[in-house]
Amino acid sequence: VQLVESGGGLVQTGGSLRLSCAASGSTGSVNVWGWYRRAPVKQRELVATIISGRGTTNYADSVKGRFTISRDNAKDTIYLQMNSLKPDDTAVYYCNAASLGLGSLYWGQGTQVTVSS
């Protein structure tokens, strides 16, 4: 599975961005899609996940009510709509795909999100 993120950039506090993750390859094997982020001098953290088929979503407490993860099955694309952005949201955001049957994890190259105060 190959993942390519886009949509990052510079935005002011309170602004919005939508990240996209275009998936290709054996996407049918993926059970869980997710977005993670890594801020400077911090460890990578989970932002949101969505389960294939069910569409069940899960969010980090820090983004609940502000971020929304979704998937367009026809386009094989995963989105992260980010609203009410804060400087603490500044990070490199990574798309992730987990195939439990294959025991594999896939990562995109990351896209930078910078929120200015």
N, C-alpha and C. Protein backbone atom coordinates (compact mmCIF):
# COMPACT_ATOMS: atom_id res chain seq x y z
N VAL A 1 0.85 -1.19 0.00
CA VAL A 1 0.00 0.00 0.00
C VAL A 1 0.89 1.24 0.00
N GLN A 2 0.60 2.15 -0.90
CA GLN A 2 1.34 3.41 -0.97
C GLN A 2 0.41 4.55 -0.55
N LEU A 3 0.96 5.48 0.23
CA LEU A 3 0.18 6.59 0.77
C LEU A 3 0.87 7.90 0.44
N VAL A 4 0.12 8.86 -0.06
CA VAL A 4 0.67 10.16 -0.40
C VAL A 4 -0.22 11.24 0.21
N GLU A 5 0.36 12.00 1.15
CA GLU A 5 -0.40 13.06 1.81
C GLU A 5 -0.26 14.37 1.06
N SER A 6 -1.26 15.23 1.25
CA SER A 6 -1.21 16.58 0.71
C SER A 6 -2.13 17.46 1.54
N GLY A 7 -2.01 18.76 1.34
CA GLY A 7 -2.93 19.68 2.00
C GLY A 7 -2.37 20.44 3.19
N GLY A 8 -1.14 20.15 3.57
CA GLY A 8 -0.55 20.88 4.67
C GLY A 8 -0.21 22.31 4.28
N GLY A 9 0.17 23.10 5.26
CA GLY A 9 0.54 24.47 4.98
C GLY A 9 0.58 25.32 6.23
N LEU A 10 0.60 26.62 6.02
CA LEU A 10 0.64 27.59 7.12
C LEU A 10 -0.73 28.23 7.27
N VAL A 11 -1.22 28.27 8.50
CA VAL A 11 -2.54 28.84 8.77
C VAL A 11 -2.50 29.57 10.10
N GLN A 12 -3.34 30.55 10.25
CA GLN A 12 -3.40 31.29 11.52
C GLN A 12 -4.25 30.54 12.54
N THR A 13 -4.04 30.87 13.79
CA THR A 13 -4.85 30.29 14.87
C THR A 13 -6.33 30.51 14.58
N GLY A 14 -7.11 29.44 14.75
CA GLY A 14 -8.54 29.50 14.48
C GLY A 14 -8.91 29.11 13.06
N GLY A 15 -7.92 28.95 12.21
CA GLY A 15 -8.17 28.61 10.82
C GLY A 15 -8.41 27.12 10.61
N SER A 16 -8.58 26.74 9.35
CA SER A 16 -8.88 25.36 8.98
C SER A 16 -7.98 24.89 7.86
N LEU A 17 -7.77 23.59 7.84
CA LEU A 17 -7.06 22.92 6.76
C LEU A 17 -7.69 21.56 6.56
N ARG A 18 -7.61 21.06 5.34
CA ARG A 18 -8.04 19.68 5.08
C ARG A 18 -6.87 18.92 4.48
N LEU A 19 -6.45 17.88 5.16
CA LEU A 19 -5.40 17.01 4.67
C LEU A 19 -6.02 15.87 3.88
N SER A 20 -5.32 15.45 2.84
CA SER A 20 -5.76 14.31 2.03
C SER A 20 -4.65 13.27 2.01
N CYS A 21 -5.06 12.03 1.91
CA CYS A 21 -4.12 10.92 1.81
C CYS A 21 -4.62 10.00 0.70
N ALA A 22 -3.93 10.02 -0.42
CA ALA A 22 -4.30 9.17 -1.55
C ALA A 22 -3.63 7.82 -1.40
N ALA A 23 -4.43 6.77 -1.39
CA ALA A 23 -3.92 5.42 -1.21
C ALA A 23 -3.96 4.65 -2.52
N SER A 24 -2.99 3.76 -2.70
CA SER A 24 -2.96 2.91 -3.88
C SER A 24 -2.36 1.57 -3.49
N GLY A 25 -2.50 0.61 -4.36
CA GLY A 25 -1.99 -0.73 -4.07
C GLY A 25 -3.08 -1.60 -3.46
N SER A 26 -2.70 -2.48 -2.56
CA SER A 26 -3.63 -3.45 -1.96
C SER A 26 -4.46 -2.82 -0.84
N THR A 27 -5.22 -1.81 -1.19
CA THR A 27 -5.98 -1.08 -0.16
C THR A 27 -7.09 -1.93 0.44
N GLY A 28 -7.50 -2.95 -0.30
CA GLY A 28 -8.54 -3.83 0.23
C GLY A 28 -8.11 -4.62 1.45
N SER A 29 -6.82 -4.70 1.67
CA SER A 29 -6.30 -5.44 2.82
C SER A 29 -6.25 -4.59 4.09
N VAL A 30 -6.49 -3.31 3.95
CA VAL A 30 -6.36 -2.39 5.08
C VAL A 30 -7.59 -2.45 5.97
N ASN A 31 -7.37 -2.59 7.26
CA ASN A 31 -8.45 -2.65 8.24
C ASN A 31 -8.70 -1.31 8.92
N VAL A 32 -7.61 -0.59 9.16
CA VAL A 32 -7.72 0.67 9.89
C VAL A 32 -6.87 1.73 9.19
N TRP A 33 -7.46 2.88 8.96
CA TRP A 33 -6.76 4.03 8.41
C TRP A 33 -6.60 5.06 9.54
N GLY A 34 -5.49 5.78 9.49
CA GLY A 34 -5.29 6.74 10.57
C GLY A 34 -4.44 7.93 10.17
N TRP A 35 -4.50 8.93 11.02
CA TRP A 35 -3.61 10.09 10.93
C TRP A 35 -2.84 10.19 12.24
N TYR A 36 -1.55 10.41 12.13
CA TYR A 36 -0.67 10.62 13.27
C TYR A 36 0.05 11.94 13.04
N ARG A 37 0.66 12.44 14.11
CA ARG A 37 1.45 13.65 13.94
C ARG A 37 2.67 13.61 14.86
N ARG A 38 3.69 14.35 14.47
CA ARG A 38 4.88 14.48 15.30
C ARG A 38 5.30 15.94 15.31
N ALA A 39 5.24 16.51 16.49
CA ALA A 39 5.67 17.89 16.68
C ALA A 39 7.16 17.90 17.02
N PRO A 40 7.82 19.03 16.84
CA PRO A 40 9.25 19.12 17.18
C PRO A 40 9.51 18.69 18.61
N VAL A 41 10.53 17.90 18.82
CA VAL A 41 10.99 17.38 20.10
C VAL A 41 9.91 16.61 20.84
N LYS A 42 8.92 16.10 20.14
CA LYS A 42 7.89 15.27 20.74
C LYS A 42 7.79 13.94 20.01
N GLN A 43 7.19 12.96 20.68
CA GLN A 43 7.00 11.68 20.03
C GLN A 43 5.78 11.73 19.11
N ARG A 44 5.78 10.81 18.16
CA ARG A 44 4.63 10.72 17.26
C ARG A 44 3.40 10.31 18.06
N GLU A 45 2.26 10.93 17.78
CA GLU A 45 1.04 10.62 18.51
C GLU A 45 -0.11 10.39 17.54
N LEU A 46 -1.04 9.57 18.01
CA LEU A 46 -2.24 9.29 17.24
C LEU A 46 -3.15 10.50 17.23
N VAL A 47 -3.68 10.82 16.06
CA VAL A 47 -4.64 11.92 15.94
C VAL A 47 -6.05 11.36 15.78
N ALA A 48 -6.23 10.47 14.80
CA ALA A 48 -7.56 9.93 14.53
C ALA A 48 -7.44 8.65 13.72
N THR A 49 -8.41 7.76 13.88
CA THR A 49 -8.47 6.55 13.08
C THR A 49 -9.90 6.32 12.59
N ILE A 50 -9.99 5.55 11.50
CA ILE A 50 -11.29 5.15 10.98
C ILE A 50 -11.18 3.70 10.52
N ILE A 51 -12.16 2.89 10.90
CA ILE A 51 -12.15 1.47 10.56
C ILE A 51 -12.79 1.27 9.20
N SER A 52 -12.12 0.52 8.34
CA SER A 52 -12.65 0.24 7.01
C SER A 52 -13.98 -0.48 7.12
N GLY A 53 -14.89 -0.13 6.23
CA GLY A 53 -16.20 -0.78 6.22
C GLY A 53 -17.15 -0.18 7.24
N ARG A 54 -16.84 -0.32 8.53
CA ARG A 54 -17.74 0.18 9.58
C ARG A 54 -17.77 1.70 9.60
N GLY A 55 -16.63 2.30 9.32
CA GLY A 55 -16.54 3.75 9.41
C GLY A 55 -16.44 4.26 10.82
N THR A 56 -16.22 3.40 11.78
CA THR A 56 -16.08 3.82 13.17
C THR A 56 -14.83 4.68 13.33
N THR A 57 -14.97 5.78 14.02
CA THR A 57 -13.86 6.71 14.18
C THR A 57 -13.44 6.82 15.64
N ASN A 58 -12.20 7.25 15.80
CA ASN A 58 -11.62 7.44 17.13
C ASN A 58 -10.69 8.64 17.05
N TYR A 59 -10.69 9.47 18.13
CA TYR A 59 -9.90 10.70 18.12
C TYR A 59 -9.11 10.86 19.40
N ALA A 60 -7.96 11.50 19.27
CA ALA A 60 -7.22 11.90 20.46
C ALA A 60 -8.04 12.97 21.19
N ASP A 61 -7.96 12.99 22.49
CA ASP A 61 -8.72 13.97 23.27
C ASP A 61 -8.41 15.40 22.85
N SER A 62 -7.18 15.63 22.45
CA SER A 62 -6.74 16.99 22.12
C SER A 62 -7.38 17.54 20.85
N VAL A 63 -7.96 16.65 20.03
CA VAL A 63 -8.55 17.12 18.76
C VAL A 63 -10.05 16.87 18.66
N LYS A 64 -10.62 16.20 19.65
CA LYS A 64 -12.06 15.91 19.61
C LYS A 64 -12.87 17.19 19.48
N GLY A 65 -13.85 17.13 18.59
CA GLY A 65 -14.69 18.30 18.36
C GLY A 65 -14.13 19.29 17.38
N ARG A 66 -12.85 19.13 17.01
CA ARG A 66 -12.23 20.06 16.07
C ARG A 66 -11.82 19.37 14.76
N PHE A 67 -11.40 18.12 14.86
CA PHE A 67 -10.93 17.38 13.69
C PHE A 67 -11.94 16.31 13.31
N THR A 68 -12.01 16.01 12.01
CA THR A 68 -12.88 14.94 11.53
C THR A 68 -12.13 14.11 10.50
N ILE A 69 -12.08 12.80 10.72
CA ILE A 69 -11.47 11.89 9.76
C ILE A 69 -12.59 11.27 8.93
N SER A 70 -12.31 11.09 7.65
CA SER A 70 -13.30 10.47 6.77
C SER A 70 -12.58 9.75 5.64
N ARG A 71 -13.33 8.93 4.93
CA ARG A 71 -12.75 8.20 3.81
C ARG A 71 -13.73 8.19 2.64
N ASP A 72 -13.20 8.46 1.47
CA ASP A 72 -13.94 8.35 0.23
C ASP A 72 -13.52 7.04 -0.41
N ASN A 73 -14.37 6.02 -0.31
CA ASN A 73 -14.01 4.70 -0.81
C ASN A 73 -13.80 4.69 -2.32
N ALA A 74 -14.60 5.46 -3.03
CA ALA A 74 -14.50 5.48 -4.48
C ALA A 74 -13.15 6.04 -4.94
N LYS A 75 -12.63 7.00 -4.17
CA LYS A 75 -11.37 7.63 -4.54
C LYS A 75 -10.18 7.04 -3.78
N ASP A 76 -10.45 6.12 -2.85
CA ASP A 76 -9.37 5.55 -2.03
C ASP A 76 -8.56 6.67 -1.37
N THR A 77 -9.26 7.60 -0.81
CA THR A 77 -8.62 8.75 -0.20
C THR A 77 -9.16 8.95 1.21
N ILE A 78 -8.25 9.25 2.12
CA ILE A 78 -8.61 9.52 3.51
C ILE A 78 -8.38 11.01 3.77
N TYR A 79 -9.30 11.61 4.49
CA TYR A 79 -9.23 13.03 4.75
C TYR A 79 -9.12 13.31 6.25
N LEU A 80 -8.53 14.43 6.57
CA LEU A 80 -8.56 14.93 7.94
C LEU A 80 -8.93 16.40 7.87
N GLN A 81 -10.16 16.69 8.22
CA GLN A 81 -10.62 18.08 8.27
C GLN A 81 -10.25 18.65 9.64
N MET A 82 -9.49 19.72 9.64
CA MET A 82 -9.00 20.31 10.88
C MET A 82 -9.54 21.72 11.01
N ASN A 83 -10.33 21.94 12.03
CA ASN A 83 -10.92 23.26 12.29
C ASN A 83 -10.41 23.81 13.62
N SER A 84 -10.60 25.09 13.82
CA SER A 84 -10.20 25.75 15.07
C SER A 84 -8.77 25.39 15.44
N LEU A 85 -7.89 25.51 14.49
CA LEU A 85 -6.50 25.11 14.70
C LEU A 85 -5.80 25.97 15.73
N LYS A 86 -4.90 25.33 16.47
CA LYS A 86 -4.13 26.00 17.52
C LYS A 86 -2.65 25.83 17.24
N PRO A 87 -1.81 26.68 17.80
CA PRO A 87 -0.36 26.51 17.62
C PRO A 87 0.13 25.12 18.04
N ASP A 88 -0.51 24.53 19.06
CA ASP A 88 -0.12 23.19 19.50
C ASP A 88 -0.38 22.12 18.47
N ASP A 89 -1.15 22.43 17.44
CA ASP A 89 -1.41 21.48 16.36
C ASP A 89 -0.27 21.46 15.34
N THR A 90 0.68 22.36 15.48
CA THR A 90 1.81 22.40 14.55
C THR A 90 2.59 21.10 14.63
N ALA A 91 2.76 20.45 13.49
CA ALA A 91 3.43 19.15 13.45
C ALA A 91 3.52 18.67 12.00
N VAL A 92 4.27 17.61 11.82
CA VAL A 92 4.21 16.86 10.56
C VAL A 92 3.13 15.80 10.73
N TYR A 93 2.19 15.78 9.81
CA TYR A 93 1.07 14.84 9.88
C TYR A 93 1.32 13.69 8.90
N TYR A 94 1.12 12.48 9.42
CA TYR A 94 1.37 11.28 8.64
C TYR A 94 0.10 10.47 8.48
N CYS A 95 -0.12 9.96 7.29
CA CYS A 95 -1.20 9.03 7.03
C CYS A 95 -0.70 7.61 7.31
N ASN A 96 -1.57 6.78 7.83
CA ASN A 96 -1.19 5.42 8.21
C ASN A 96 -2.27 4.45 7.79
N ALA A 97 -1.83 3.26 7.40
CA ALA A 97 -2.77 2.18 7.06
C ALA A 97 -2.29 0.90 7.73
N ALA A 98 -3.21 0.21 8.37
CA ALA A 98 -2.86 -1.01 9.09
C ALA A 98 -3.61 -2.20 8.49
N SER A 99 -2.86 -3.23 8.09
CA SER A 99 -3.45 -4.45 7.58
C SER A 99 -3.21 -5.54 8.62
N LEU A 100 -4.26 -5.86 9.38
CA LEU A 100 -4.09 -6.81 10.47
C LEU A 100 -3.81 -8.21 9.94
N GLY A 101 -4.44 -8.58 8.83
CA GLY A 101 -4.23 -9.91 8.28
C GLY A 101 -2.80 -10.11 7.78
N LEU A 102 -2.23 -9.07 7.21
CA LEU A 102 -0.86 -9.16 6.71
C LEU A 102 0.15 -8.77 7.78
N GLY A 103 -0.33 -8.23 8.88
CA GLY A 103 0.58 -7.79 9.92
C GLY A 103 1.47 -6.65 9.45
N SER A 104 0.92 -5.75 8.65
CA SER A 104 1.72 -4.69 8.04
C SER A 104 1.19 -3.31 8.39
N LEU A 105 2.12 -2.38 8.51
CA LEU A 105 1.81 -0.97 8.70
C LEU A 105 2.43 -0.19 7.55
N TYR A 106 1.69 0.77 7.04
CA TYR A 106 2.16 1.57 5.94
C TYR A 106 2.09 3.05 6.35
N TRP A 107 3.06 3.82 5.89
CA TRP A 107 3.14 5.25 6.23
C TRP A 107 3.35 6.09 4.99
N GLY A 108 2.77 7.27 5.01
CA GLY A 108 3.07 8.25 3.98
C GLY A 108 4.32 9.03 4.36
N GLN A 109 4.67 9.99 3.50
CA GLN A 109 5.91 10.75 3.72
C GLN A 109 5.71 11.90 4.68
N GLY A 110 4.47 12.26 4.95
CA GLY A 110 4.18 13.33 5.89
C GLY A 110 3.94 14.65 5.19
N THR A 111 3.14 15.50 5.84
CA THR A 111 2.89 16.84 5.34
C THR A 111 2.92 17.81 6.52
N GLN A 112 3.59 18.93 6.35
CA GLN A 112 3.80 19.87 7.44
C GLN A 112 2.59 20.77 7.62
N VAL A 113 2.15 20.89 8.86
CA VAL A 113 1.10 21.83 9.24
C VAL A 113 1.68 22.79 10.26
N THR A 114 1.60 24.07 9.97
CA THR A 114 2.11 25.09 10.88
C THR A 114 1.00 26.07 11.20
N VAL A 115 0.74 26.25 12.49
CA VAL A 115 -0.31 27.16 12.94
C VAL A 115 0.36 28.33 13.65
N SER A 116 0.20 29.51 13.11
CA SER A 116 0.82 30.69 13.70
C SER A 116 -0.11 31.33 14.72
N SER A 117 0.51 31.91 15.75
CA SER A 117 -0.29 32.54 16.82
C SER A 117 -0.54 34.02 16.52
